[in-house]
Amino acid sequence: MPLTEVLAAEPVQWLGRQVLDRFGLRLPFLLKVLAAAAPLSLQAHPDAEQARVGHAAEQARSGGHRNYVDPFHKPELLVALGPMEALCGFRDPAASARGARRTGRTGVAAGARRVGRRAGGAGRGRTPAAGVGRRAERAGLVAAARTAQGPDADLVTRLAEAYPADPGVLVALLLNRVRLTAGEAIWMPAGNLHAYLRGTGVEVMAASDNVLRGGLTPKHVDVAELLRVLRFEVLDRPVVAAQEVADGVVTWPVPVDDFALHRVSVGGGRREVTLAVPGPRVVLCTGGRVTVTDGVAPVTLGSGQAAVGPAAGGSLTVTGVGETYIASTGQV
């Protein structure tokens, strides 16, 4: 039975009155395992007001591509399960310019500096590819990167192999290149330009399909709408460290109430952990074998298996030997 039918049949049992009042008859979050064997698309997501207005405007017209398939925002949190690499948020334009100069492309470096002057303090506005998106410069940068050394040259070369004619290859130089180890996370709020390059992680997000792509993809790219939602702000600290909230339990705090994510580890001298989380919950086992009890019914999960539990259930108790990720709503 699809989860949507389960929720519709017993909404208060599964979602709880507070979640129903706040989010309506829907699970307000999605939990995924994301495995990137090759670079995925550069993209950003709208905030709640942009999604509401954009969806209403597109519903009023017929035909054409839909940027806003629902009226909801889509902030995301990704926690690495092992080594993972991503692009996340704009870095200091001076660093982008230095990276371009090291490949011998002074035109790209000058473009990166211009981006910094245009975006400085503005928060929103001009395109990050201004001055660096011309076809000749892109081709020149890729050619120079193949004979240069350093992380920026390596990034350009790798992306160009997958997307040889894509302007996103140059835009990538303007972003933070983040290398995560297991347990580290990146937070992607509205307007944050990001892309996953390789690796595997657990991703939790607000339930929405609104994606505005900016490159590294054969899919639809709406430049004007992307520029309207992007936030041109330097993101100094894209990595979110885990916070221990109890013995065997860590979380990654986020400033939204659509979702929360906890990791529970049991085994060795810690064979049982109890965690109180609000609303509906999804439990994913990423290693070992555990039994999860919520006062309604116990469920045993092996690595790669998941279960969903109702808001009416009590605190979750995890026993066995293994690791689980528990997604729930935040404090509504």
Protein backbone atom coordinates (compact mmCIF):
# COMPACT_ATOMS: atom_id res chain seq x y z
CA MET A 1 0.00 0.00 0.00
CA PRO A 2 1.46 3.42 -0.91
CA LEU A 3 2.32 5.57 2.10
CA THR A 4 0.02 8.32 0.79
CA GLU A 5 -2.94 5.95 1.19
CA VAL A 6 -1.85 4.96 4.69
CA LEU A 7 -1.65 8.62 5.73
CA ALA A 8 -5.02 9.43 4.17
CA ALA A 9 -6.72 6.51 5.96
CA GLU A 10 -5.45 7.43 9.44
CA PRO A 11 -3.97 10.94 9.31
CA VAL A 12 -3.96 11.71 13.03
CA GLN A 13 -2.51 8.28 13.89
CA TRP A 14 0.32 8.60 11.40
CA LEU A 15 1.06 12.32 11.22
CA GLY A 16 -0.20 13.67 14.54
CA ARG A 17 -2.39 16.70 15.03
CA GLN A 18 0.50 19.19 15.17
CA VAL A 19 2.01 18.00 11.89
CA LEU A 20 -1.40 17.97 10.21
CA ASP A 21 -2.06 21.55 11.31
CA ARG A 22 1.41 22.73 10.24
CA PHE A 23 1.97 20.82 6.98
CA GLY A 24 -1.38 19.36 5.92
CA LEU A 25 -2.04 15.77 4.85
CA ARG A 26 1.47 14.86 3.73
CA LEU A 27 4.76 13.62 5.09
CA PRO A 28 6.76 16.89 5.26
CA PHE A 29 10.17 15.29 4.65
CA LEU A 30 11.92 12.82 2.34
CA LEU A 31 14.79 10.50 3.28
CA LYS A 32 17.19 9.25 0.60
CA VAL A 33 20.41 7.35 0.15
CA LEU A 34 22.32 9.27 -2.51
CA ALA A 35 25.16 7.53 -4.35
CA ALA A 36 27.00 9.70 -6.87
CA ALA A 37 29.28 7.72 -9.17
CA ALA A 38 29.66 10.80 -11.41
CA PRO A 39 29.03 14.53 -10.92
CA LEU A 40 25.35 15.39 -10.52
CA SER A 41 23.73 18.62 -11.68
CA LEU A 42 24.39 22.09 -10.29
CA GLN A 43 21.11 23.13 -8.72
CA ALA A 44 19.33 25.35 -6.23
CA HIS A 45 15.92 25.36 -4.62
CA PRO A 46 13.42 28.18 -3.91
CA ASP A 47 12.38 29.39 -0.50
CA ALA A 48 8.82 28.86 0.69
CA GLU A 49 7.45 32.15 -0.68
CA GLN A 50 9.19 31.76 -4.05
CA ALA A 51 7.81 28.23 -4.37
CA ARG A 52 4.28 29.33 -3.48
CA VAL A 53 4.28 32.25 -5.92
CA GLY A 54 6.05 30.33 -8.70
CA HIS A 55 3.72 27.36 -8.45
CA ALA A 56 0.63 29.57 -8.52
CA ALA A 57 1.91 31.46 -11.59
CA GLU A 58 2.67 28.26 -13.49
CA GLN A 59 -0.67 26.74 -12.59
CA ALA A 60 -2.33 29.75 -14.19
CA ARG A 61 -0.77 29.08 -17.60
CA SER A 62 -0.89 26.09 -19.91
CA GLY A 63 2.03 24.33 -21.54
CA GLY A 64 5.75 24.84 -21.17
CA HIS A 65 8.28 23.49 -18.71
CA ARG A 66 7.32 23.57 -15.03
CA ASN A 67 9.94 24.80 -12.59
CA TYR A 68 7.55 24.60 -9.66
CA VAL A 69 5.70 21.30 -9.52
CA ASP A 70 4.48 21.99 -5.97
CA PRO A 71 4.21 25.03 -3.67
CA PHE A 72 6.85 23.91 -1.15
CA HIS A 73 10.46 24.78 -0.35
CA LYS A 74 13.24 22.17 -0.40
CA PRO A 75 16.10 22.76 2.05
CA GLU A 76 18.42 19.75 2.28
CA LEU A 77 20.88 18.14 4.68
CA LEU A 78 23.33 15.50 3.47
CA VAL A 79 25.41 13.35 5.85
CA ALA A 80 28.33 11.42 4.35
CA LEU A 81 28.45 7.66 4.87
CA GLY A 82 32.07 7.63 3.71
CA PRO A 83 34.38 9.93 1.73
CA MET A 84 32.19 12.30 -0.28
CA GLU A 85 32.85 15.32 -2.45
CA ALA A 86 30.46 18.15 -3.29
CA LEU A 87 30.22 21.74 -4.43
CA CYS A 88 28.32 23.83 -1.92
CA GLY A 89 27.79 27.59 -1.85
CA PHE A 90 29.89 30.42 -3.26
CA ARG A 91 33.46 30.69 -2.06
CA ASP A 92 35.51 33.85 -1.71
CA PRO A 93 35.84 35.29 -5.26
CA ALA A 94 39.53 35.94 -4.62
CA ALA A 95 40.04 32.20 -4.12
CA SER A 96 38.21 31.50 -7.38
CA ALA A 97 40.39 34.04 -9.18
CA ARG A 98 43.57 32.44 -7.79
CA GLY A 99 42.38 29.02 -8.95
CA ALA A 100 41.72 30.31 -12.46
CA ARG A 101 45.10 32.06 -12.63
CA ARG A 102 46.86 28.82 -11.68
CA THR A 103 45.44 27.29 -14.85
CA GLY A 104 46.79 30.21 -16.88
CA ARG A 105 43.37 31.72 -17.67
CA THR A 106 43.53 35.36 -16.62
CA GLY A 107 40.23 36.16 -18.35
CA VAL A 108 38.40 33.73 -16.11
CA ALA A 109 40.19 35.11 -13.06
CA ALA A 110 39.08 38.64 -13.95
CA GLY A 111 35.53 37.40 -14.37
CA ALA A 112 35.60 35.81 -10.94
CA ARG A 113 36.75 39.09 -9.40
CA ARG A 114 33.93 40.94 -11.16
CA VAL A 115 31.44 38.47 -9.73
CA GLY A 116 32.75 39.26 -6.25
CA ARG A 117 32.31 43.00 -6.76
CA ARG A 118 28.78 42.57 -8.11
CA ALA A 119 27.66 40.15 -5.43
CA GLY A 120 29.44 41.72 -2.48
CA GLY A 121 26.85 42.62 0.12
CA ALA A 122 23.97 42.27 -2.32
CA GLY A 123 22.80 38.82 -1.27
CA ARG A 124 20.98 38.29 -4.58
CA GLY A 125 21.20 39.45 -8.13
CA ARG A 126 23.77 39.10 -10.89
CA THR A 127 24.77 35.88 -12.55
CA PRO A 128 27.76 34.02 -11.07
CA ALA A 129 28.85 33.16 -14.61
CA ALA A 130 29.12 36.81 -15.73
CA GLY A 131 32.39 37.19 -17.58
CA VAL A 132 33.32 33.51 -17.26
CA GLY A 133 30.70 31.76 -19.38
CA ARG A 134 31.89 32.57 -22.89
CA ARG A 135 32.53 29.52 -25.03
CA ALA A 136 36.09 30.50 -25.94
CA GLU A 137 37.06 31.08 -22.32
CA ARG A 138 35.48 27.80 -21.30
CA ALA A 139 37.38 25.88 -23.97
CA GLY A 140 40.60 27.69 -23.07
CA LEU A 141 40.22 26.97 -19.38
CA VAL A 142 39.60 23.27 -20.00
CA ALA A 143 42.64 23.03 -22.27
CA ALA A 144 44.83 24.84 -19.73
CA ALA A 145 43.54 22.73 -16.85
CA ARG A 146 44.65 19.52 -18.57
CA THR A 147 48.28 20.63 -18.34
CA ALA A 148 48.08 22.43 -14.99
CA GLN A 149 48.25 21.09 -11.45
CA GLY A 150 46.21 21.74 -8.34
CA PRO A 151 42.68 21.10 -7.06
CA ASP A 152 40.98 23.63 -9.34
CA ALA A 153 42.63 22.25 -12.47
CA ASP A 154 41.69 18.74 -11.38
CA LEU A 155 38.07 19.80 -10.83
CA VAL A 156 37.76 21.48 -14.23
CA THR A 157 39.30 18.48 -15.99
CA ARG A 158 36.97 15.99 -14.29
CA LEU A 159 33.84 18.01 -14.93
CA ALA A 160 34.79 18.68 -18.56
CA GLU A 161 35.18 14.96 -19.16
CA ALA A 162 31.58 14.42 -18.09
CA TYR A 163 30.11 17.67 -19.50
CA PRO A 164 32.54 19.00 -22.16
CA ALA A 165 30.39 21.89 -23.44
CA ASP A 166 28.64 22.86 -20.21
CA PRO A 167 29.15 26.35 -18.70
CA GLY A 168 28.73 24.74 -15.29
CA VAL A 169 32.36 23.63 -15.64
CA LEU A 170 33.40 27.24 -15.10
CA VAL A 171 30.70 28.08 -12.56
CA ALA A 172 32.09 25.25 -10.42
CA LEU A 173 35.22 27.34 -9.84
CA LEU A 174 33.09 29.88 -7.98
CA LEU A 175 31.86 27.33 -5.44
CA ASN A 176 33.29 25.71 -2.34
CA ARG A 177 34.71 22.28 -3.10
CA VAL A 178 33.84 20.27 0.01
CA ARG A 179 35.37 16.94 0.99
CA LEU A 180 33.39 15.14 3.66
CA THR A 181 34.36 12.21 5.85
CA ALA A 182 31.84 9.82 7.38
CA GLY A 183 29.52 11.67 9.74
CA GLU A 184 30.19 15.16 8.37
CA ALA A 185 27.30 16.99 6.72
CA ILE A 186 26.50 19.89 4.43
CA TRP A 187 23.40 22.07 4.79
CA MET A 188 21.80 23.50 1.67
CA PRO A 189 19.22 26.21 2.39
CA ALA A 190 17.13 28.00 -0.23
CA GLY A 191 19.14 29.76 -2.92
CA ASN A 192 22.30 27.73 -2.30
CA LEU A 193 23.95 26.54 -5.54
CA HIS A 194 25.32 23.04 -5.05
CA ALA A 195 26.21 19.76 -6.74
CA TYR A 196 27.25 16.32 -5.54
CA LEU A 197 30.42 15.13 -7.27
CA ARG A 198 30.98 11.62 -5.88
CA GLY A 199 30.39 9.47 -2.85
CA THR A 200 27.49 8.14 -0.81
CA GLY A 201 25.43 9.82 1.88
CA VAL A 202 22.12 9.95 3.67
CA GLU A 203 20.05 12.93 2.54
CA VAL A 204 16.99 14.35 4.25
CA MET A 205 14.99 17.25 2.82
CA ALA A 206 11.67 19.02 2.90
CA ALA A 207 9.21 17.13 0.70
CA SER A 208 9.30 18.94 -2.64
CA ASP A 209 10.33 18.35 -6.25
CA ASN A 210 11.20 21.98 -7.02
CA VAL A 211 14.66 21.98 -8.61
CA LEU A 212 16.25 24.82 -10.59
CA ARG A 213 19.27 23.48 -12.44
CA GLY A 214 22.26 25.59 -13.38
CA GLY A 215 24.54 23.24 -15.32
CA LEU A 216 26.34 19.89 -15.42
CA THR A 217 23.19 18.35 -16.81
CA PRO A 218 21.38 17.62 -20.08
CA LYS A 219 18.11 18.50 -18.34
CA HIS A 220 16.20 21.77 -18.57
CA VAL A 221 18.02 24.90 -17.34
CA ASP A 222 16.03 28.10 -16.78
CA VAL A 223 18.77 30.71 -16.32
CA ALA A 224 16.45 33.62 -15.57
CA GLU A 225 14.53 31.77 -12.86
CA LEU A 226 17.68 30.32 -11.36
CA LEU A 227 19.20 33.79 -11.05
CA ARG A 228 16.04 35.01 -9.38
CA VAL A 229 16.31 32.50 -6.53
CA LEU A 230 20.09 32.31 -6.07
CA ARG A 231 21.66 33.95 -3.03
CA PHE A 232 25.01 35.45 -3.98
CA GLU A 233 26.63 35.21 -0.57
CA VAL A 234 30.01 33.77 0.36
CA LEU A 235 29.51 30.60 2.37
CA ASP A 236 32.51 30.40 4.68
CA ARG A 237 31.62 27.20 6.55
CA PRO A 238 29.61 24.75 4.42
CA VAL A 239 30.42 21.71 6.62
CA VAL A 240 28.12 20.93 9.56
CA ALA A 241 29.63 18.93 12.41
CA ALA A 242 27.60 16.30 14.26
CA GLN A 243 26.43 17.14 17.78
CA GLU A 244 26.12 14.41 20.38
CA VAL A 245 22.76 14.65 22.16
CA ALA A 246 22.92 11.39 24.12
CA ASP A 247 25.16 8.35 24.45
CA GLY A 248 25.18 6.79 20.99
CA VAL A 249 23.01 9.54 19.43
CA VAL A 250 24.15 12.45 17.26
CA THR A 251 22.25 15.03 15.23
CA TRP A 252 22.93 17.88 12.81
CA PRO A 253 20.82 20.93 13.82
CA VAL A 254 19.00 22.72 10.99
CA PRO A 255 16.91 25.94 11.12
CA VAL A 256 13.69 24.38 9.75
CA ASP A 257 10.94 22.30 11.33
CA ASP A 258 10.16 20.14 8.26
CA PHE A 259 12.70 17.55 9.34
CA ALA A 260 15.34 16.45 11.81
CA LEU A 261 17.94 13.69 11.44
CA HIS A 262 19.56 11.55 14.14
CA ARG A 263 22.11 8.78 13.92
CA VAL A 264 21.86 6.03 16.53
CA SER A 265 24.72 3.58 17.05
CA VAL A 266 24.39 0.43 19.16
CA GLY A 267 26.84 -2.37 19.85
CA GLY A 268 29.72 -3.24 22.13
CA GLY A 269 28.88 -1.97 25.58
CA ARG A 270 25.87 -0.03 24.29
CA ARG A 271 23.24 -2.56 23.29
CA GLU A 272 20.19 -0.29 23.68
CA VAL A 273 19.43 3.36 22.93
CA THR A 274 16.10 5.15 23.46
CA LEU A 275 15.28 8.33 21.55
CA ALA A 276 12.20 10.55 21.68
CA VAL A 277 11.41 12.14 18.31
CA PRO A 278 8.21 13.99 17.33
CA GLY A 279 5.74 13.16 14.60
CA PRO A 280 6.07 10.44 11.95
CA ARG A 281 9.49 8.87 11.56
CA VAL A 282 11.49 6.86 9.04
CA VAL A 283 14.27 4.57 10.28
CA LEU A 284 17.06 3.47 7.91
CA CYS A 285 19.62 0.84 8.93
CA THR A 286 23.00 1.52 7.31
CA GLY A 287 25.00 -1.25 8.97
CA GLY A 288 24.58 -4.32 11.15
CA ARG A 289 21.24 -5.60 12.38
CA VAL A 290 18.94 -3.76 14.79
CA THR A 291 15.48 -4.04 16.26
CA VAL A 292 13.45 -0.85 16.60
CA THR A 293 10.50 -0.64 19.00
CA ASP A 294 8.12 2.32 19.32
CA GLY A 295 5.45 0.96 21.64
CA VAL A 296 3.32 -0.17 18.68
CA ALA A 297 5.30 -3.00 17.08
CA PRO A 298 8.98 -4.03 16.92
CA VAL A 299 10.70 -4.12 13.53
CA THR A 300 14.04 -5.81 12.80
CA LEU A 301 16.17 -4.19 10.10
CA GLY A 302 19.33 -5.27 8.31
CA SER A 303 21.73 -3.01 6.43
CA GLY A 304 19.87 -1.18 3.65
CA GLN A 305 16.40 -1.79 5.07
CA ALA A 306 14.05 0.90 6.33
CA ALA A 307 10.73 1.21 8.16
CA VAL A 308 8.20 3.95 8.74
CA GLY A 309 6.50 4.58 12.07
CA PRO A 310 3.46 6.64 13.13
CA ALA A 311 3.38 9.75 15.25
CA ALA A 312 1.18 7.84 17.69
CA GLY A 313 4.10 5.59 18.55
CA GLY A 314 6.14 6.41 21.63
CA SER A 315 9.88 6.86 22.01
CA LEU A 316 12.04 4.70 19.75
CA THR A 317 14.22 2.04 21.34
CA VAL A 318 17.01 0.62 19.19
CA THR A 319 18.74 -2.62 20.20
CA GLY A 320 21.24 -4.95 18.56
CA VAL A 321 24.51 -4.14 16.83
CA GLY A 322 24.42 -1.61 14.06
CA GLU A 323 23.81 1.94 12.89
CA THR A 324 20.52 3.66 12.03
CA TYR A 325 19.51 7.05 10.72
CA ILE A 326 16.18 8.32 12.02
CA ALA A 327 14.35 11.06 10.11
CA SER A 328 11.44 12.83 11.74
CA THR A 329 9.85 16.24 11.80
CA GLY A 330 11.57 18.95 13.80
CA GLN A 331 9.93 20.52 16.80
CA VAL A 332 6.67 21.81 15.26
